Amino acid sequence: MIQSMVLTLIGYIPNVHQSLAILDKLKVLMLVVPAVGVAVALLIFVFFYKLTDEKYRNILAQLKERREGNAVK
């Protein structure tokens, strides 16, 4: 649904030879939209996911326990 709205906004018409302007807009969409998504994910990670040394050691300890627990079974 969102994809069809975006394609309509840039002037894409299905089953028709596309102009160079439309092809350029499609290329921008294929580059810019994922780049914005990665940037947003990075900002969320940097500002909202606080991985302290204590948390990191705790995660490692839990993983070690799981591995050892799975190896015994």
C-alpha atoms as a PDB file:
ATOM      1  CA  MET A   1       0.000   0.000   0.000  1.00  0.00           C
ATOM      2  CA  ILE A   2       2.713   2.476   0.972  1.00  0.00           C
ATOM      3  CA  GLN A   3       4.826   1.307  -1.937  1.00  0.00           C
ATOM      4  CA  SER A   4       2.059   1.998  -4.439  1.00  0.00           C
ATOM      5  CA  MET A   5       1.494   5.465  -2.970  1.00  0.00           C
ATOM      6  CA  VAL A   6       5.190   6.292  -3.239  1.00  0.00           C
ATOM      7  CA  LEU A   7       5.375   4.983  -6.797  1.00  0.00           C
ATOM      8  CA  THR A   8       2.361   7.099  -7.707  1.00  0.00           C
ATOM      9  CA  LEU A   9       3.951  10.170  -6.101  1.00  0.00           C
ATOM     10  CA  ILE A  10       7.108   9.834  -8.197  1.00  0.00           C
ATOM     11  CA  GLY A  11       5.072   9.399 -11.383  1.00  0.00           C
ATOM     12  CA  TYR A  12       5.587   5.676 -12.016  1.00  0.00           C
ATOM     13  CA  ILE A  13       3.066   4.155 -14.421  1.00  0.00           C
ATOM     14  CA  PRO A  14       3.053   0.349 -14.619  1.00  0.00           C
ATOM     15  CA  ASN A  15       3.504  -1.471 -17.940  1.00  0.00           C
ATOM     16  CA  VAL A  16       4.822   1.680 -19.631  1.00  0.00           C
ATOM     17  CA  HIS A  17       8.339   2.599 -20.691  1.00  0.00           C
ATOM     18  CA  GLN A  18       9.658   4.774 -17.857  1.00  0.00           C
ATOM     19  CA  SER A  19      11.429   8.060 -18.475  1.00  0.00           C
ATOM     20  CA  LEU A  20      14.932   8.666 -17.205  1.00  0.00           C
ATOM     21  CA  ALA A  21      13.546  11.010 -14.546  1.00  0.00           C
ATOM     22  CA  ILE A  22      11.335   8.243 -13.139  1.00  0.00           C
ATOM     23  CA  LEU A  23      14.226   5.762 -13.236  1.00  0.00           C
ATOM     24  CA  ASP A  24      16.408   8.260 -11.371  1.00  0.00           C
ATOM     25  CA  LYS A  25      13.695   8.719  -8.747  1.00  0.00           C
ATOM     26  CA  LEU A  26      13.453   4.932  -8.343  1.00  0.00           C
ATOM     27  CA  LYS A  27      17.218   4.727  -7.825  1.00  0.00           C
ATOM     28  CA  VAL A  28      17.044   7.461  -5.200  1.00  0.00           C
ATOM     29  CA  LEU A  29      14.245   5.574  -3.431  1.00  0.00           C
ATOM     30  CA  MET A  30      16.296   2.373  -3.451  1.00  0.00           C
ATOM     31  CA  LEU A  31      19.236   4.205  -1.882  1.00  0.00           C
ATOM     32  CA  VAL A  32      17.744   6.876   0.348  1.00  0.00           C
ATOM     33  CA  VAL A  33      14.956   4.914   2.042  1.00  0.00           C
ATOM     34  CA  PRO A  34      17.234   2.101   3.286  1.00  0.00           C
ATOM     35  CA  ALA A  35      19.917   4.630   4.271  1.00  0.00           C
ATOM     36  CA  VAL A  36      17.398   6.561   6.363  1.00  0.00           C
ATOM     37  CA  GLY A  37      16.279   3.312   7.979  1.00  0.00           C
ATOM     38  CA  VAL A  38      19.857   2.416   8.875  1.00  0.00           C
ATOM     39  CA  ALA A  39      20.474   5.913  10.234  1.00  0.00           C
ATOM     40  CA  VAL A  40      17.353   5.733  12.424  1.00  0.00           C
ATOM     41  CA  ALA A  41      18.369   2.282  13.707  1.00  0.00           C
ATOM     42  CA  LEU A  42      21.861   3.572  14.477  1.00  0.00           C
ATOM     43  CA  LEU A  43      20.487   6.564  16.378  1.00  0.00           C
ATOM     44  CA  ILE A  44      18.202   4.311  18.402  1.00  0.00           C
ATOM     45  CA  PHE A  45      21.109   2.000  19.168  1.00  0.00           C
ATOM     46  CA  VAL A  46      23.466   4.814  20.163  1.00  0.00           C
ATOM     47  CA  PHE A  47      21.054   6.821  22.290  1.00  0.00           C
ATOM     48  CA  PHE A  48      18.663   4.239  23.741  1.00  0.00           C
ATOM     49  CA  TYR A  49      20.616   0.986  24.099  1.00  0.00           C
ATOM     50  CA  LYS A  50      23.005   1.424  26.951  1.00  0.00           C
ATOM     51  CA  LEU A  51      25.385  -1.523  26.969  1.00  0.00           C
ATOM     52  CA  THR A  52      27.542  -1.086  30.024  1.00  0.00           C
ATOM     53  CA  ASP A  53      30.475  -3.307  30.908  1.00  0.00           C
ATOM     54  CA  GLU A  54      28.366  -4.913  33.636  1.00  0.00           C
ATOM     55  CA  LYS A  55      25.512  -5.717  31.225  1.00  0.00           C
ATOM     56  CA  TYR A  56      28.011  -7.071  28.693  1.00  0.00           C
ATOM     57  CA  ARG A  57      29.613  -9.389  31.245  1.00  0.00           C
ATOM     58  CA  ASN A  58      26.162 -10.513  32.391  1.00  0.00           C
ATOM     59  CA  ILE A  59      25.155 -11.362  28.805  1.00  0.00           C
ATOM     60  CA  LEU A  60      28.373 -13.316  28.283  1.00  0.00           C
ATOM     61  CA  ALA A  61      27.805 -15.237  31.513  1.00  0.00           C
ATOM     62  CA  GLN A  62      24.238 -16.109  30.508  1.00  0.00           C
ATOM     63  CA  LEU A  63      25.393 -17.299  27.091  1.00  0.00           C
ATOM     64  CA  LYS A  64      28.083 -19.436  28.688  1.00  0.00           C
ATOM     65  CA  GLU A  65      25.491 -20.986  31.018  1.00  0.00           C
ATOM     66  CA  ARG A  66      23.192 -21.754  28.091  1.00  0.00           C
ATOM     67  CA  ARG A  67      26.002 -23.359  26.076  1.00  0.00           C
ATOM     68  CA  GLU A  68      27.068 -25.488  29.014  1.00  0.00           C
ATOM     69  CA  GLY A  69      23.471 -26.409  29.782  1.00  0.00           C
ATOM     70  CA  ASN A  70      22.815 -27.450  26.168  1.00  0.00           C
ATOM     71  CA  ALA A  71      26.033 -29.483  26.006  1.00  0.00           C
ATOM     72  CA  VAL A  72      24.993 -31.602  29.025  1.00  0.00           C
ATOM     73  CA  LYS A  73      21.563 -32.498  27.607  1.00  0.00           C
END
